């Protein structure tokens, strides 16, 4: 039987902690932004998470995205594809933080406008806002792909045809009888989270086609962004065995977890 060294065990513990921190940032950020802005200001709340850049919660918003970006860039997965996906998500999150969205435009006749609103957008605000939109879309799509790839369970086998490789790369390639029953629920969580994130990106884009009166009464963009981040956080909670850790502290027995395969220290084998 192979016995892990104390250094190896400590590395695994820190890696699991990294996953839990990422999960906490993803699930808590929308709530913290809403509660913090409600306490600190009486102005209308932004209709998107990026709009909080122009509120008293700017430092929380920027700091959280930068921390999330650094954690994702530092994370290693099964293969080079995982490395590229996490790097895209990480650098995209940092780009979202430092390239602010377009400020709100206060149209004539509107009774209440945020203090950061403008009468018309400048050329630089328009350009930076478009860059922000690109970074945001790339980040969320990468987060969705990342959640799906958590269900892989290992490196993509060689000798598969292109379609089979794609299915395996997105966590759908393993037959059910090849996955132990106690781990199928875990993979289902990854699939649901990944599909939810991608669906929210599509719905957020489609919400721009709705009448302005609908978007004025319902912060649809914020809702879809928050749901996507929450799903992302849940996938990382699952990957980081957060619920098992909480259960063990409360004296509750946790279900078995998939044993890691032999791999280099920083390879994400579950």
C-alpha atoms as a PDB file:
ATOM      1  CA  UNK A   1       0.000   0.000   0.000  1.00  0.00           C
ATOM      2  CA  UNK A   2       1.308   3.449  -0.937  1.00  0.00           C
ATOM      3  CA  UNK A   3       1.757   5.814   2.004  1.00  0.00           C
ATOM      4  CA  UNK A   4       1.682   9.529   1.383  1.00  0.00           C
ATOM      5  CA  UNK A   5       4.418  11.643   2.897  1.00  0.00           C
ATOM      6  CA  UNK A   6       3.411  14.432   5.329  1.00  0.00           C
ATOM      7  CA  UNK A   7       4.485  17.006   2.735  1.00  0.00           C
ATOM      8  CA  UNK A   8       2.235  15.375   0.123  1.00  0.00           C
ATOM      9  CA  UNK A   9      -0.692  15.289   2.560  1.00  0.00           C
ATOM     10  CA  UNK A  10      -0.175  18.958   3.410  1.00  0.00           C
ATOM     11  CA  UNK A  11      -0.134  19.836  -0.292  1.00  0.00           C
ATOM     12  CA  UNK A  12      -3.428  18.005  -0.860  1.00  0.00           C
ATOM     13  CA  UNK A  13      -4.998  19.827   2.115  1.00  0.00           C
ATOM     14  CA  UNK A  14      -3.893  23.197   0.752  1.00  0.00           C
ATOM     15  CA  UNK A  15      -5.189  22.325  -2.706  1.00  0.00           C
ATOM     16  CA  UNK A  16      -8.592  21.410  -1.279  1.00  0.00           C
ATOM     17  CA  UNK A  17      -8.561  24.674   0.694  1.00  0.00           C
ATOM     18  CA  UNK A  18      -7.867  26.574  -2.527  1.00  0.00           C
ATOM     19  CA  UNK A  19     -10.944  24.995  -4.103  1.00  0.00           C
ATOM     20  CA  UNK A  20     -13.080  25.921  -1.089  1.00  0.00           C
ATOM     21  CA  UNK A  21     -11.888  29.524  -1.132  1.00  0.00           C
ATOM     22  CA  UNK A  22     -12.802  29.799  -4.809  1.00  0.00           C
ATOM     23  CA  UNK A  23     -16.221  28.319  -4.003  1.00  0.00           C
ATOM     24  CA  UNK A  24     -16.837  30.797  -1.195  1.00  0.00           C
ATOM     25  CA  UNK A  25     -15.910  33.775  -3.378  1.00  0.00           C
ATOM     26  CA  UNK A  26     -18.252  32.625  -6.133  1.00  0.00           C
ATOM     27  CA  UNK A  27     -21.282  31.996  -3.944  1.00  0.00           C
ATOM     28  CA  UNK A  28     -20.852  34.885  -1.507  1.00  0.00           C
ATOM     29  CA  UNK A  29     -19.955  37.775  -3.829  1.00  0.00           C
ATOM     30  CA  UNK A  30     -23.484  38.564  -5.147  1.00  0.00           C
ATOM     31  CA  UNK A  31     -24.920  38.477  -1.623  1.00  0.00           C
ATOM     32  CA  UNK A  32     -22.144  40.638  -0.183  1.00  0.00           C
ATOM     33  CA  UNK A  33     -22.592  43.217  -2.941  1.00  0.00           C
ATOM     34  CA  UNK A  34     -26.347  43.508  -2.395  1.00  0.00           C
ATOM     35  CA  UNK A  35     -26.173  43.636   1.416  1.00  0.00           C
ATOM     36  CA  UNK A  36     -23.214  46.022   1.466  1.00  0.00           C
ATOM     37  CA  UNK A  37     -24.766  48.442  -0.997  1.00  0.00           C
ATOM     38  CA  UNK A  38     -28.117  48.342   0.833  1.00  0.00           C
ATOM     39  CA  UNK A  39     -26.383  49.288   4.078  1.00  0.00           C
ATOM     40  CA  UNK A  40     -24.053  51.941   2.659  1.00  0.00           C
ATOM     41  CA  UNK A  41     -26.294  53.717   0.146  1.00  0.00           C
ATOM     42  CA  UNK A  42     -29.904  54.591  -0.623  1.00  0.00           C
ATOM     43  CA  UNK A  43     -29.383  55.064  -4.368  1.00  0.00           C
ATOM     44  CA  UNK A  44     -30.912  52.578  -6.813  1.00  0.00           C
ATOM     45  CA  UNK A  45     -28.955  49.342  -7.020  1.00  0.00           C
ATOM     46  CA  UNK A  46     -27.092  48.578 -10.276  1.00  0.00           C
ATOM     47  CA  UNK A  47     -28.758  46.243 -12.733  1.00  0.00           C
ATOM     48  CA  UNK A  48     -25.617  44.115 -13.074  1.00  0.00           C
ATOM     49  CA  UNK A  49     -22.820  42.904 -10.844  1.00  0.00           C
ATOM     50  CA  UNK A  50     -20.315  44.914 -12.868  1.00  0.00           C
ATOM     51  CA  UNK A  51     -22.305  48.048 -12.083  1.00  0.00           C
ATOM     52  CA  UNK A  52     -21.209  47.767  -8.453  1.00  0.00           C
ATOM     53  CA  UNK A  53     -17.848  49.091  -9.626  1.00  0.00           C
ATOM     54  CA  UNK A  54     -19.451  52.536  -9.431  1.00  0.00           C
ATOM     55  CA  UNK A  55     -20.775  52.089  -5.889  1.00  0.00           C
ATOM     56  CA  UNK A  56     -19.322  51.989  -2.392  1.00  0.00           C
ATOM     57  CA  UNK A  57     -18.742  48.258  -2.963  1.00  0.00           C
ATOM     58  CA  UNK A  58     -16.109  48.873  -5.647  1.00  0.00           C
ATOM     59  CA  UNK A  59     -13.193  47.652  -3.536  1.00  0.00           C
ATOM     60  CA  UNK A  60     -15.040  44.459  -2.574  1.00  0.00           C
ATOM     61  CA  UNK A  61     -15.976  43.814  -6.202  1.00  0.00           C
ATOM     62  CA  UNK A  62     -12.495  44.444  -7.609  1.00  0.00           C
ATOM     63  CA  UNK A  63     -10.689  42.673  -4.762  1.00  0.00           C
ATOM     64  CA  UNK A  64     -12.863  39.570  -5.008  1.00  0.00           C
ATOM     65  CA  UNK A  65     -12.406  39.276  -8.765  1.00  0.00           C
ATOM     66  CA  UNK A  66      -8.642  39.768  -8.489  1.00  0.00           C
ATOM     67  CA  UNK A  67      -8.407  37.108  -5.770  1.00  0.00           C
ATOM     68  CA  UNK A  68     -10.556  34.757  -7.833  1.00  0.00           C
ATOM     69  CA  UNK A  69      -8.424  35.424 -10.903  1.00  0.00           C
ATOM     70  CA  UNK A  70      -5.157  34.726  -9.082  1.00  0.00           C
ATOM     71  CA  UNK A  71      -6.534  31.485  -7.592  1.00  0.00           C
ATOM     72  CA  UNK A  72      -7.720  30.286 -11.004  1.00  0.00           C
ATOM     73  CA  UNK A  73      -4.436  31.106 -12.739  1.00  0.00           C
ATOM     74  CA  UNK A  74      -2.573  29.241  -9.972  1.00  0.00           C
ATOM     75  CA  UNK A  75      -4.816  26.181 -10.344  1.00  0.00           C
ATOM     76  CA  UNK A  76      -3.622  23.160 -12.334  1.00  0.00           C
ATOM     77  CA  UNK A  77      -5.962  20.560 -13.788  1.00  0.00           C
ATOM     78  CA  UNK A  78      -5.654  17.229 -15.535  1.00  0.00           C
ATOM     79  CA  UNK A  79      -3.954  18.437 -18.702  1.00  0.00           C
ATOM     80  CA  UNK A  80      -3.005  21.452 -20.796  1.00  0.00           C
ATOM     81  CA  UNK A  81      -6.641  22.044 -21.760  1.00  0.00           C
ATOM     82  CA  UNK A  82      -7.556  22.490 -18.101  1.00  0.00           C
ATOM     83  CA  UNK A  83      -4.599  24.834 -17.750  1.00  0.00           C
ATOM     84  CA  UNK A  84      -5.815  26.955 -20.661  1.00  0.00           C
ATOM     85  CA  UNK A  85      -9.422  27.015 -19.400  1.00  0.00           C
ATOM     86  CA  UNK A  86      -8.471  28.098 -15.879  1.00  0.00           C
ATOM     87  CA  UNK A  87      -6.009  30.678 -17.210  1.00  0.00           C
ATOM     88  CA  UNK A  88      -8.676  32.163 -19.496  1.00  0.00           C
ATOM     89  CA  UNK A  89     -11.132  32.338 -16.599  1.00  0.00           C
ATOM     90  CA  UNK A  90      -8.518  33.770 -14.238  1.00  0.00           C
ATOM     91  CA  UNK A  91      -7.123  36.458 -16.524  1.00  0.00           C
ATOM     92  CA  UNK A  92     -10.662  37.215 -17.693  1.00  0.00           C
ATOM     93  CA  UNK A  93     -11.797  37.835 -14.107  1.00  0.00           C
ATOM     94  CA  UNK A  94      -8.862  40.197 -13.580  1.00  0.00           C
ATOM     95  CA  UNK A  95      -9.736  41.940 -16.841  1.00  0.00           C
ATOM     96  CA  UNK A  96     -13.336  42.387 -15.668  1.00  0.00           C
ATOM     97  CA  UNK A  97     -12.038  43.980 -12.455  1.00  0.00           C
ATOM     98  CA  UNK A  98      -9.716  46.494 -14.121  1.00  0.00           C
ATOM     99  CA  UNK A  99     -11.791  47.295 -17.208  1.00  0.00           C
ATOM    100  CA  UNK A 100     -15.013  48.704 -15.761  1.00  0.00           C
ATOM    101  CA  UNK A 101     -18.356  48.350 -17.447  1.00  0.00           C
ATOM    102  CA  UNK A 102     -20.008  51.341 -19.054  1.00  0.00           C
ATOM    103  CA  UNK A 103     -21.507  53.705 -16.463  1.00  0.00           C
ATOM    104  CA  UNK A 104     -25.263  54.143 -16.386  1.00  0.00           C
ATOM    105  CA  UNK A 105     -26.643  56.746 -18.754  1.00  0.00           C
ATOM    106  CA  UNK A 106     -29.158  59.060 -17.109  1.00  0.00           C
ATOM    107  CA  UNK A 107     -31.769  59.764 -19.744  1.00  0.00           C
ATOM    108  CA  UNK A 108     -33.786  63.005 -19.537  1.00  0.00           C
ATOM    109  CA  UNK A 109     -36.923  62.677 -17.445  1.00  0.00           C
ATOM    110  CA  UNK A 110     -35.633  59.875 -15.245  1.00  0.00           C
ATOM    111  CA  UNK A 111     -36.462  60.640 -11.617  1.00  0.00           C
ATOM    112  CA  UNK A 112     -33.564  58.792  -9.944  1.00  0.00           C
ATOM    113  CA  UNK A 113     -30.088  58.227 -11.384  1.00  0.00           C
ATOM    114  CA  UNK A 114     -26.956  56.856  -9.705  1.00  0.00           C
ATOM    115  CA  UNK A 115     -24.376  59.467  -8.774  1.00  0.00           C
ATOM    116  CA  UNK A 116     -21.919  57.819 -11.186  1.00  0.00           C
ATOM    117  CA  UNK A 117     -24.290  58.107 -14.160  1.00  0.00           C
ATOM    118  CA  UNK A 118     -23.434  60.222 -17.183  1.00  0.00           C
ATOM    119  CA  UNK A 119     -25.475  62.076 -19.769  1.00  0.00           C
ATOM    120  CA  UNK A 120     -23.614  60.398 -22.621  1.00  0.00           C
ATOM    121  CA  UNK A 121     -20.774  57.903 -22.868  1.00  0.00           C
ATOM    122  CA  UNK A 122     -17.328  59.122 -23.851  1.00  0.00           C
ATOM    123  CA  UNK A 123     -15.297  57.282 -26.482  1.00  0.00           C
ATOM    124  CA  UNK A 124     -12.994  55.795 -23.826  1.00  0.00           C
ATOM    125  CA  UNK A 125     -15.928  54.647 -21.686  1.00  0.00           C
ATOM    126  CA  UNK A 126     -17.484  52.983 -24.713  1.00  0.00           C
ATOM    127  CA  UNK A 127     -14.231  51.225 -25.660  1.00  0.00           C
ATOM    128  CA  UNK A 128     -13.371  50.057 -22.137  1.00  0.00           C
ATOM    129  CA  UNK A 129     -16.953  48.905 -21.645  1.00  0.00           C
ATOM    130  CA  UNK A 130     -16.765  46.765 -24.779  1.00  0.00           C
ATOM    131  CA  UNK A 131     -13.493  45.224 -23.540  1.00  0.00           C
ATOM    132  CA  UNK A 132     -15.178  44.552 -20.199  1.00  0.00           C
ATOM    133  CA  UNK A 133     -18.014  42.756 -21.965  1.00  0.00           C
ATOM    134  CA  UNK A 134     -15.531  40.547 -23.842  1.00  0.00           C
ATOM    135  CA  UNK A 135     -13.689  39.642 -20.629  1.00  0.00           C
ATOM    136  CA  UNK A 136     -16.960  38.913 -18.814  1.00  0.00           C
ATOM    137  CA  UNK A 137     -18.278  36.611 -21.546  1.00  0.00           C
ATOM    138  CA  UNK A 138     -14.953  34.755 -21.808  1.00  0.00           C
ATOM    139  CA  UNK A 139     -14.781  34.341 -18.030  1.00  0.00           C
ATOM    140  CA  UNK A 140     -18.281  32.950 -17.595  1.00  0.00           C
ATOM    141  CA  UNK A 141     -17.967  30.577 -20.560  1.00  0.00           C
ATOM    142  CA  UNK A 142     -14.638  29.313 -19.219  1.00  0.00           C
ATOM    143  CA  UNK A 143     -16.207  28.808 -15.774  1.00  0.00           C
ATOM    144  CA  UNK A 144     -18.964  26.731 -17.373  1.00  0.00           C
ATOM    145  CA  UNK A 145     -16.505  24.569 -19.294  1.00  0.00           C
ATOM    146  CA  UNK A 146     -14.434  24.184 -16.139  1.00  0.00           C
ATOM    147  CA  UNK A 147     -17.417  22.914 -14.135  1.00  0.00           C
ATOM    148  CA  UNK A 148     -18.231  20.355 -16.853  1.00  0.00           C
ATOM    149  CA  UNK A 149     -14.620  19.173 -16.986  1.00  0.00           C
ATOM    150  CA  UNK A 150     -14.651  18.461 -13.246  1.00  0.00           C
ATOM    151  CA  UNK A 151     -16.669  15.339 -14.124  1.00  0.00           C
ATOM    152  CA  UNK A 152     -13.849  13.927 -16.260  1.00  0.00           C
ATOM    153  CA  UNK A 153     -12.106  12.010 -13.482  1.00  0.00           C
ATOM    154  CA  UNK A 154      -8.787  11.843 -15.313  1.00  0.00           C
ATOM    155  CA  UNK A 155      -6.908  12.534 -18.521  1.00  0.00           C
ATOM    156  CA  UNK A 156      -8.719  12.055 -21.824  1.00  0.00           C
ATOM    157  CA  UNK A 157      -7.838   8.581 -23.167  1.00  0.00           C
ATOM    158  CA  UNK A 158      -5.922   8.370 -26.411  1.00  0.00           C
ATOM    159  CA  UNK A 159      -7.353   6.711 -29.523  1.00  0.00           C
ATOM    160  CA  UNK A 160     -10.811   8.326 -29.346  1.00  0.00           C
ATOM    161  CA  UNK A 161     -12.470   9.905 -32.362  1.00  0.00           C
ATOM    162  CA  UNK A 162     -12.870  13.726 -32.285  1.00  0.00           C
ATOM    163  CA  UNK A 163     -16.524  13.641 -31.137  1.00  0.00           C
ATOM    164  CA  UNK A 164     -15.765  11.135 -28.388  1.00  0.00           C
ATOM    165  CA  UNK A 165     -12.787  13.225 -27.257  1.00  0.00           C
ATOM    166  CA  UNK A 166     -15.012  16.311 -27.077  1.00  0.00           C
ATOM    167  CA  UNK A 167     -17.655  14.458 -25.056  1.00  0.00           C
ATOM    168  CA  UNK A 168     -15.030  13.096 -22.691  1.00  0.00           C
ATOM    169  CA  UNK A 169     -13.381  16.514 -22.411  1.00  0.00           C
ATOM    170  CA  UNK A 170     -16.708  17.996 -21.274  1.00  0.00           C
ATOM    171  CA  UNK A 171     -17.320  15.265 -18.704  1.00  0.00           C
ATOM    172  CA  UNK A 172     -19.829  13.203 -20.698  1.00  0.00           C
ATOM    173  CA  UNK A 173     -17.526  10.523 -22.064  1.00  0.00           C
ATOM    174  CA  UNK A 174     -17.467   7.944 -19.278  1.00  0.00           C
ATOM    175  CA  UNK A 175     -20.218   5.273 -19.416  1.00  0.00           C
ATOM    176  CA  UNK A 176     -22.360   5.064 -16.280  1.00  0.00           C
ATOM    177  CA  UNK A 177     -21.172   1.562 -15.470  1.00  0.00           C
ATOM    178  CA  UNK A 178     -17.586   2.833 -15.396  1.00  0.00           C
ATOM    179  CA  UNK A 179     -18.385   5.366 -12.645  1.00  0.00           C
ATOM    180  CA  UNK A 180     -18.809   4.027  -9.095  1.00  0.00           C
ATOM    181  CA  UNK A 181     -22.370   4.625  -7.922  1.00  0.00           C
ATOM    182  CA  UNK A 182     -21.305   6.715  -4.934  1.00  0.00           C
ATOM    183  CA  UNK A 183     -19.653   9.242  -7.272  1.00  0.00           C
ATOM    184  CA  UNK A 184     -22.407   9.619  -9.856  1.00  0.00           C
ATOM    185  CA  UNK A 185     -24.183  12.240  -7.773  1.00  0.00           C
ATOM    186  CA  UNK A 186     -20.984  14.261  -7.647  1.00  0.00           C
ATOM    187  CA  UNK A 187     -20.656  14.189 -11.427  1.00  0.00           C
ATOM    188  CA  UNK A 188     -24.319  15.156 -11.773  1.00  0.00           C
ATOM    189  CA  UNK A 189     -23.587  18.283  -9.720  1.00  0.00           C
ATOM    190  CA  UNK A 190     -20.774  19.224 -12.100  1.00  0.00           C
ATOM    191  CA  UNK A 191     -22.999  18.703 -15.148  1.00  0.00           C
ATOM    192  CA  UNK A 192     -25.872  20.735 -13.692  1.00  0.00           C
ATOM    193  CA  UNK A 193     -23.540  23.558 -12.632  1.00  0.00           C
ATOM    194  CA  UNK A 194     -21.779  23.707 -16.003  1.00  0.00           C
ATOM    195  CA  UNK A 195     -25.022  23.718 -17.980  1.00  0.00           C
ATOM    196  CA  UNK A 196     -26.490  26.340 -15.634  1.00  0.00           C
ATOM    197  CA  UNK A 197     -23.518  28.663 -16.139  1.00  0.00           C
ATOM    198  CA  UNK A 198     -23.599  28.399 -19.937  1.00  0.00           C
ATOM    199  CA  UNK A 199     -27.400  28.801 -19.966  1.00  0.00           C
ATOM    200  CA  UNK A 200     -27.156  31.938 -17.822  1.00  0.00           C
ATOM    201  CA  UNK A 201     -24.644  33.458 -20.257  1.00  0.00           C
ATOM    202  CA  UNK A 202     -27.042  32.845 -23.139  1.00  0.00           C
ATOM    203  CA  UNK A 203     -30.053  34.151 -21.198  1.00  0.00           C
ATOM    204  CA  UNK A 204     -28.129  37.251 -20.107  1.00  0.00           C
ATOM    205  CA  UNK A 205     -27.349  38.028 -23.742  1.00  0.00           C
ATOM    206  CA  UNK A 206     -30.965  37.435 -24.778  1.00  0.00           C
ATOM    207  CA  UNK A 207     -32.247  39.679 -21.976  1.00  0.00           C
ATOM    208  CA  UNK A 208     -30.839  42.666 -23.873  1.00  0.00           C
ATOM    209  CA  UNK A 209     -33.464  41.995 -26.543  1.00  0.00           C
ATOM    210  CA  UNK A 210     -36.331  42.494 -24.086  1.00  0.00           C
ATOM    211  CA  UNK A 211     -38.203  45.807 -23.884  1.00  0.00           C
ATOM    212  CA  UNK A 212     -36.488  48.406 -21.720  1.00  0.00           C
ATOM    213  CA  UNK A 213     -39.533  48.483 -19.432  1.00  0.00           C
ATOM    214  CA  UNK A 214     -38.933  44.840 -18.497  1.00  0.00           C
ATOM    215  CA  UNK A 215     -35.240  45.355 -17.744  1.00  0.00           C
ATOM    216  CA  UNK A 216     -36.080  48.474 -15.751  1.00  0.00           C
ATOM    217  CA  UNK A 217     -38.332  46.514 -13.378  1.00  0.00           C
ATOM    218  CA  UNK A 218     -36.308  43.305 -13.186  1.00  0.00           C
ATOM    219  CA  UNK A 219     -32.496  43.210 -12.835  1.00  0.00           C
ATOM    220  CA  UNK A 220     -32.306  40.211 -15.159  1.00  0.00           C
ATOM    221  CA  UNK A 221     -28.624  40.660 -15.941  1.00  0.00           C
ATOM    222  CA  UNK A 222     -27.726  40.650 -12.246  1.00  0.00           C
ATOM    223  CA  UNK A 223     -29.935  37.606 -11.628  1.00  0.00           C
ATOM    224  CA  UNK A 224     -28.309  35.574 -14.399  1.00  0.00           C
ATOM    225  CA  UNK A 225     -24.807  36.643 -13.341  1.00  0.00           C
ATOM    226  CA  UNK A 226     -25.528  35.749  -9.720  1.00  0.00           C
ATOM    227  CA  UNK A 227     -26.973  32.346 -10.662  1.00  0.00           C
ATOM    228  CA  UNK A 228     -23.932  31.591 -12.821  1.00  0.00           C
ATOM    229  CA  UNK A 229     -21.523  32.553 -10.040  1.00  0.00           C
ATOM    230  CA  UNK A 230     -23.496  30.530  -7.510  1.00  0.00           C
ATOM    231  CA  UNK A 231     -23.394  27.460  -9.763  1.00  0.00           C
ATOM    232  CA  UNK A 232     -19.673  27.993 -10.251  1.00  0.00           C
ATOM    233  CA  UNK A 233     -19.173  28.181  -6.486  1.00  0.00           C
ATOM    234  CA  UNK A 234     -21.201  25.017  -5.889  1.00  0.00           C
ATOM    235  CA  UNK A 235     -19.055  23.099  -8.385  1.00  0.00           C
ATOM    236  CA  UNK A 236     -15.907  24.176  -6.565  1.00  0.00           C
ATOM    237  CA  UNK A 237     -17.465  23.380  -3.184  1.00  0.00           C
ATOM    238  CA  UNK A 238     -18.107  19.888  -4.490  1.00  0.00           C
ATOM    239  CA  UNK A 239     -14.592  19.590  -5.886  1.00  0.00           C
ATOM    240  CA  UNK A 240     -13.126  20.858  -2.614  1.00  0.00           C
ATOM    241  CA  UNK A 241     -15.167  18.422  -0.481  1.00  0.00           C
ATOM    242  CA  UNK A 242     -16.548  21.396   1.467  1.00  0.00           C
ATOM    243  CA  UNK A 243     -19.688  19.609   2.601  1.00  0.00           C
ATOM    244  CA  UNK A 244     -17.638  16.640   3.798  1.00  0.00           C
ATOM    245  CA  UNK A 245     -15.387  19.001   5.751  1.00  0.00           C
ATOM    246  CA  UNK A 246     -18.370  20.731   7.382  1.00  0.00           C
ATOM    247  CA  UNK A 247     -19.964  17.377   8.173  1.00  0.00           C
ATOM    248  CA  UNK A 248     -16.817  16.048   9.802  1.00  0.00           C
ATOM    249  CA  UNK A 249     -16.591  19.129  12.020  1.00  0.00           C
ATOM    250  CA  UNK A 250     -20.196  18.598  13.078  1.00  0.00           C
ATOM    251  CA  UNK A 251     -19.632  14.913  13.686  1.00  0.00           C
ATOM    252  CA  UNK A 252     -21.753  13.891  10.686  1.00  0.00           C
ATOM    253  CA  UNK A 253     -20.466  11.026   8.602  1.00  0.00           C
ATOM    254  CA  UNK A 254     -19.830  12.085   5.001  1.00  0.00           C
ATOM    255  CA  UNK A 255     -20.159   9.946   1.877  1.00  0.00           C
ATOM    256  CA  UNK A 256     -17.060   8.404   0.417  1.00  0.00           C
ATOM    257  CA  UNK A 257     -14.976  10.532  -1.907  1.00  0.00           C
ATOM    258  CA  UNK A 258     -13.264   9.410  -5.035  1.00  0.00           C
ATOM    259  CA  UNK A 259      -9.707   8.395  -4.172  1.00  0.00           C
ATOM    260  CA  UNK A 260      -7.020  10.308  -6.044  1.00  0.00           C
ATOM    261  CA  UNK A 261      -5.003   8.400  -8.574  1.00  0.00           C
ATOM    262  CA  UNK A 262      -1.230   8.355  -8.549  1.00  0.00           C
ATOM    263  CA  UNK A 263      -0.139  11.650 -10.044  1.00  0.00           C
ATOM    264  CA  UNK A 264       2.333  14.481  -9.691  1.00  0.00           C
ATOM    265  CA  UNK A 265       1.661  16.669  -6.646  1.00  0.00           C
ATOM    266  CA  UNK A 266      -0.201  19.429  -8.489  1.00  0.00           C
ATOM    267  CA  UNK A 267      -2.230  17.230 -10.839  1.00  0.00           C
ATOM    268  CA  UNK A 268      -5.943  17.376 -10.189  1.00  0.00           C
ATOM    269  CA  UNK A 269      -6.813  13.692  -9.970  1.00  0.00           C
ATOM    270  CA  UNK A 270      -9.799  12.899  -7.834  1.00  0.00           C
END
